[in-house]
Amino acid sequence: AFDWQSGPTPEMKTLWRFVSTAATFACLGWKSMTWEEWNKFSAMDLAVWIPLAGLNYGFMCTAFVVALEMTSMVNTFILSNLASLIIIGSKFATGSPVLLLEGLGAAIGFLGALICAAAPSTEPSDPSAGDPSADHDNHLATTGNFLAFLASIATA
């Protein structure tokens, strides 16, 4: 939609879309609530949990956009959309009951994410063949994969 513009990068345009979507839905949600619904929130909800949710959303958007600069689009999308798998994994880690199909689906999802993250995001380069940028590119892609995964944790 913004291809005719020059100047901002596609990643910056993606960040603008995230922010505008959040602002639009926040205004619609604010307008639709009545005073009785607002009174159901405790002071802790209003002072801590709602701002923390906003900060997590902001971190998720920023980490997603920065990861797009560092690694492939496929890795970024897969690793930043693992929130449901992280929730199931945290249920398992805390001892909460996990259904068999939930656990099987989470295991398959984590395995797929590991395969995508381990795959090279560009043509494989051999640092021993005299290409000094190959090692840097691998570290950059790994950092991008980690940022995309952190975006997923912030979403969960």
C-alpha atoms as a PDB file:
ATOM      1  CA  ALA A   1       0.000   0.000   0.000  1.00  0.00           C
ATOM      2  CA  PHE A   2       2.904   2.333   0.704  1.00  0.00           C
ATOM      3  CA  ASP A   3       5.085   1.247  -2.243  1.00  0.00           C
ATOM      4  CA  TRP A   4       4.727   4.617  -3.986  1.00  0.00           C
ATOM      5  CA  GLN A   5       6.350   6.433  -1.079  1.00  0.00           C
ATOM      6  CA  SER A   6      10.058   6.922  -0.884  1.00  0.00           C
ATOM      7  CA  GLY A   7      12.096   7.396   2.231  1.00  0.00           C
ATOM      8  CA  PRO A   8      10.810   5.196   5.065  1.00  0.00           C
ATOM      9  CA  THR A   9      11.870   1.575   5.024  1.00  0.00           C
ATOM     10  CA  PRO A  10       9.280  -1.213   4.840  1.00  0.00           C
ATOM     11  CA  GLU A  11      10.105  -2.106   8.441  1.00  0.00           C
ATOM     12  CA  MET A  12       9.297   1.433   9.586  1.00  0.00           C
ATOM     13  CA  LYS A  13       6.003   1.273   7.710  1.00  0.00           C
ATOM     14  CA  THR A  14       5.255  -2.012   9.495  1.00  0.00           C
ATOM     15  CA  LEU A  15       5.879  -0.339  12.852  1.00  0.00           C
ATOM     16  CA  TRP A  16       3.544   2.514  11.875  1.00  0.00           C
ATOM     17  CA  ARG A  17       0.836  -0.022  11.026  1.00  0.00           C
ATOM     18  CA  PHE A  18       1.246  -1.729  14.404  1.00  0.00           C
ATOM     19  CA  VAL A  19       1.054   1.577  16.274  1.00  0.00           C
ATOM     20  CA  SER A  20      -1.934   2.872  14.311  1.00  0.00           C
ATOM     21  CA  THR A  21      -3.803  -0.401  14.843  1.00  0.00           C
ATOM     22  CA  ALA A  22      -3.140  -0.290  18.582  1.00  0.00           C
ATOM     23  CA  ALA A  23      -4.215   3.352  18.825  1.00  0.00           C
ATOM     24  CA  THR A  24      -7.410   2.714  16.861  1.00  0.00           C
ATOM     25  CA  PHE A  25      -8.429  -0.290  18.931  1.00  0.00           C
ATOM     26  CA  ALA A  26      -7.512   1.457  22.189  1.00  0.00           C
ATOM     27  CA  CYS A  27      -9.805   4.372  21.303  1.00  0.00           C
ATOM     28  CA  LEU A  28     -12.640   2.036  20.321  1.00  0.00           C
ATOM     29  CA  GLY A  29     -12.211   0.002  23.516  1.00  0.00           C
ATOM     30  CA  TRP A  30     -12.077   3.116  25.670  1.00  0.00           C
ATOM     31  CA  LYS A  31     -15.248   4.509  24.104  1.00  0.00           C
ATOM     32  CA  SER A  32     -17.214   1.263  24.399  1.00  0.00           C
ATOM     33  CA  MET A  33     -16.687   0.811  28.157  1.00  0.00           C
ATOM     34  CA  THR A  34     -19.216   2.074  30.664  1.00  0.00           C
ATOM     35  CA  TRP A  35     -18.447   3.462  34.133  1.00  0.00           C
ATOM     36  CA  GLU A  36     -19.607   0.206  35.710  1.00  0.00           C
ATOM     37  CA  GLU A  37     -17.062  -1.718  33.651  1.00  0.00           C
ATOM     38  CA  TRP A  38     -14.295   0.745  34.550  1.00  0.00           C
ATOM     39  CA  ASN A  39     -15.127   0.317  38.245  1.00  0.00           C
ATOM     40  CA  LYS A  40     -14.400  -3.433  37.968  1.00  0.00           C
ATOM     41  CA  PHE A  41     -10.693  -2.646  37.524  1.00  0.00           C
ATOM     42  CA  SER A  42      -8.679  -2.507  40.712  1.00  0.00           C
ATOM     43  CA  ALA A  43      -6.035   0.137  41.339  1.00  0.00           C
ATOM     44  CA  MET A  44      -3.402  -2.564  40.720  1.00  0.00           C
ATOM     45  CA  ASP A  45      -4.946  -3.312  37.311  1.00  0.00           C
ATOM     46  CA  LEU A  46      -4.975   0.328  36.298  1.00  0.00           C
ATOM     47  CA  ALA A  47      -1.557   1.210  37.692  1.00  0.00           C
ATOM     48  CA  VAL A  48       0.443  -1.932  36.886  1.00  0.00           C
ATOM     49  CA  TRP A  49      -1.121  -4.574  34.648  1.00  0.00           C
ATOM     50  CA  ILE A  50      -2.674  -2.425  31.918  1.00  0.00           C
ATOM     51  CA  PRO A  51       0.501  -0.314  31.424  1.00  0.00           C
ATOM     52  CA  LEU A  52       2.594  -3.514  31.516  1.00  0.00           C
ATOM     53  CA  ALA A  53       0.416  -5.004  28.759  1.00  0.00           C
ATOM     54  CA  GLY A  54       0.950  -1.840  26.707  1.00  0.00           C
ATOM     55  CA  LEU A  55       4.708  -2.007  27.247  1.00  0.00           C
ATOM     56  CA  ASN A  56       4.759  -5.659  26.209  1.00  0.00           C
ATOM     57  CA  TYR A  57       2.832  -4.837  23.047  1.00  0.00           C
ATOM     58  CA  GLY A  58       5.232  -2.013  22.262  1.00  0.00           C
ATOM     59  CA  PHE A  59       8.214  -4.289  22.842  1.00  0.00           C
ATOM     60  CA  MET A  60       6.646  -6.986  20.666  1.00  0.00           C
ATOM     61  CA  CYS A  61       6.120  -4.553  17.783  1.00  0.00           C
ATOM     62  CA  THR A  62       9.620  -3.104  18.054  1.00  0.00           C
ATOM     63  CA  ALA A  63      11.328  -6.492  18.384  1.00  0.00           C
ATOM     64  CA  PHE A  64       9.392  -7.797  15.376  1.00  0.00           C
ATOM     65  CA  VAL A  65      10.447  -4.865  13.203  1.00  0.00           C
ATOM     66  CA  VAL A  66      14.096  -5.003  14.322  1.00  0.00           C
ATOM     67  CA  ALA A  67      14.157  -8.793  13.764  1.00  0.00           C
ATOM     68  CA  LEU A  68      12.927  -8.219  10.197  1.00  0.00           C
ATOM     69  CA  GLU A  69      16.105  -6.211   9.603  1.00  0.00           C
ATOM     70  CA  MET A  70      18.340  -8.962  10.987  1.00  0.00           C
ATOM     71  CA  THR A  71      16.898 -12.265   9.790  1.00  0.00           C
ATOM     72  CA  SER A  72      14.589 -13.660   7.150  1.00  0.00           C
ATOM     73  CA  MET A  73      10.904 -12.821   7.041  1.00  0.00           C
ATOM     74  CA  VAL A  74       9.956 -16.497   7.479  1.00  0.00           C
ATOM     75  CA  ASN A  75      12.010 -16.853  10.663  1.00  0.00           C
ATOM     76  CA  THR A  76      10.648 -13.591  12.016  1.00  0.00           C
ATOM     77  CA  PHE A  77       7.026 -14.564  11.471  1.00  0.00           C
ATOM     78  CA  ILE A  78       7.397 -18.102  12.806  1.00  0.00           C
ATOM     79  CA  LEU A  79       9.424 -17.198  15.876  1.00  0.00           C
ATOM     80  CA  SER A  80       7.335 -14.158  16.788  1.00  0.00           C
ATOM     81  CA  ASN A  81       4.063 -16.121  16.671  1.00  0.00           C
ATOM     82  CA  LEU A  82       4.891 -18.788  19.241  1.00  0.00           C
ATOM     83  CA  ALA A  83       2.823 -17.236  22.044  1.00  0.00           C
ATOM     84  CA  SER A  84       0.360 -20.138  22.296  1.00  0.00           C
ATOM     85  CA  LEU A  85       3.218 -22.624  22.421  1.00  0.00           C
ATOM     86  CA  ILE A  86       4.938 -20.601  25.134  1.00  0.00           C
ATOM     87  CA  ILE A  87       1.731 -20.582  27.178  1.00  0.00           C
ATOM     88  CA  ILE A  88       1.433 -24.380  26.868  1.00  0.00           C
ATOM     89  CA  GLY A  89       5.113 -24.757  27.757  1.00  0.00           C
ATOM     90  CA  SER A  90       4.676 -22.574  30.827  1.00  0.00           C
ATOM     91  CA  LYS A  91       1.660 -24.643  31.883  1.00  0.00           C
ATOM     92  CA  PHE A  92       3.826 -27.746  31.664  1.00  0.00           C
ATOM     93  CA  ALA A  93       6.710 -26.096  33.546  1.00  0.00           C
ATOM     94  CA  THR A  94       4.454 -24.942  36.399  1.00  0.00           C
ATOM     95  CA  GLY A  95       2.757 -28.327  36.748  1.00  0.00           C
ATOM     96  CA  SER A  96      -0.630 -27.283  35.407  1.00  0.00           C
ATOM     97  CA  PRO A  97      -2.423 -30.028  33.492  1.00  0.00           C
ATOM     98  CA  VAL A  98      -1.694 -30.084  29.748  1.00  0.00           C
ATOM     99  CA  LEU A  99      -3.905 -32.138  27.453  1.00  0.00           C
ATOM    100  CA  LEU A 100      -2.190 -34.771  25.306  1.00  0.00           C
ATOM    101  CA  LEU A 101      -3.039 -33.051  22.013  1.00  0.00           C
ATOM    102  CA  GLU A 102      -1.934 -29.684  23.409  1.00  0.00           C
ATOM    103  CA  GLY A 103       1.429 -31.129  24.365  1.00  0.00           C
ATOM    104  CA  LEU A 104       1.845 -32.933  21.061  1.00  0.00           C
ATOM    105  CA  GLY A 105       0.976 -29.788  19.100  1.00  0.00           C
ATOM    106  CA  ALA A 106       3.373 -27.711  21.202  1.00  0.00           C
ATOM    107  CA  ALA A 107       6.188 -30.221  20.670  1.00  0.00           C
ATOM    108  CA  ILE A 108       5.641 -30.186  16.906  1.00  0.00           C
ATOM    109  CA  GLY A 109       5.492 -26.386  16.912  1.00  0.00           C
ATOM    110  CA  PHE A 110       8.705 -26.001  18.922  1.00  0.00           C
ATOM    111  CA  LEU A 111      10.467 -28.524  16.678  1.00  0.00           C
ATOM    112  CA  GLY A 112       9.370 -26.593  13.576  1.00  0.00           C
ATOM    113  CA  ALA A 113      10.546 -23.323  15.075  1.00  0.00           C
ATOM    114  CA  LEU A 114      13.936 -24.836  15.938  1.00  0.00           C
ATOM    115  CA  ILE A 115      14.323 -26.164  12.390  1.00  0.00           C
ATOM    116  CA  CYS A 116      13.475 -22.753  10.922  1.00  0.00           C
ATOM    117  CA  ALA A 117      15.781 -20.926  13.329  1.00  0.00           C
ATOM    118  CA  ALA A 118      18.679 -23.293  12.667  1.00  0.00           C
ATOM    119  CA  ALA A 119      18.364 -23.020   8.887  1.00  0.00           C
ATOM    120  CA  PRO A 120      20.630 -20.421   7.273  1.00  0.00           C
ATOM    121  CA  SER A 121      18.699 -17.307   6.289  1.00  0.00           C
ATOM    122  CA  THR A 122      20.947 -16.546   3.320  1.00  0.00           C
ATOM    123  CA  GLU A 123      23.280 -18.442   1.028  1.00  0.00           C
ATOM    124  CA  PRO A 124      25.722 -20.323   3.214  1.00  0.00           C
ATOM    125  CA  SER A 125      29.109 -18.660   3.355  1.00  0.00           C
ATOM    126  CA  ASP A 126      32.265 -20.272   4.548  1.00  0.00           C
ATOM    127  CA  PRO A 127      34.233 -18.001   6.897  1.00  0.00           C
ATOM    128  CA  SER A 128      37.324 -20.166   6.332  1.00  0.00           C
ATOM    129  CA  ALA A 129      37.128 -19.419   2.580  1.00  0.00           C
ATOM    130  CA  GLY A 130      38.080 -15.810   3.204  1.00  0.00           C
ATOM    131  CA  ASP A 131      34.618 -14.267   3.584  1.00  0.00           C
ATOM    132  CA  PRO A 132      34.839 -12.247   6.842  1.00  0.00           C
ATOM    133  CA  SER A 133      31.209 -11.126   6.614  1.00  0.00           C
ATOM    134  CA  ALA A 134      29.892 -14.703   6.823  1.00  0.00           C
ATOM    135  CA  ASP A 135      30.448 -15.000  10.561  1.00  0.00           C
ATOM    136  CA  HIS A 136      28.936 -11.554  11.138  1.00  0.00           C
ATOM    137  CA  ASP A 137      25.856 -12.463   9.032  1.00  0.00           C
ATOM    138  CA  ASN A 138      25.330 -15.661  11.037  1.00  0.00           C
ATOM    139  CA  HIS A 139      25.534 -13.757  14.337  1.00  0.00           C
ATOM    140  CA  LEU A 140      23.149 -11.113  13.000  1.00  0.00           C
ATOM    141  CA  ALA A 141      20.621 -13.751  11.899  1.00  0.00           C
ATOM    142  CA  THR A 142      20.886 -15.515  15.265  1.00  0.00           C
ATOM    143  CA  THR A 143      20.307 -12.214  17.070  1.00  0.00           C
ATOM    144  CA  GLY A 144      17.282 -11.539  14.846  1.00  0.00           C
ATOM    145  CA  ASN A 145      15.883 -15.000  15.596  1.00  0.00           C
ATOM    146  CA  PHE A 146      16.334 -14.376  19.325  1.00  0.00           C
ATOM    147  CA  LEU A 147      14.593 -10.986  19.081  1.00  0.00           C
ATOM    148  CA  ALA A 148      11.679 -12.552  17.217  1.00  0.00           C
ATOM    149  CA  PHE A 149      11.408 -15.177  19.958  1.00  0.00           C
ATOM    150  CA  LEU A 150      11.458 -12.432  22.615  1.00  0.00           C
ATOM    151  CA  ALA A 151       8.583 -10.770  20.740  1.00  0.00           C
ATOM    152  CA  SER A 152       6.682 -14.013  21.132  1.00  0.00           C
ATOM    153  CA  ILE A 153       7.391 -14.115  24.878  1.00  0.00           C
ATOM    154  CA  ALA A 154       6.153 -10.524  25.216  1.00  0.00           C
ATOM    155  CA  THR A 155       2.935 -11.506  23.442  1.00  0.00           C
ATOM    156  CA  ALA A 156       2.362 -14.464  25.772  1.00  0.00           C
END
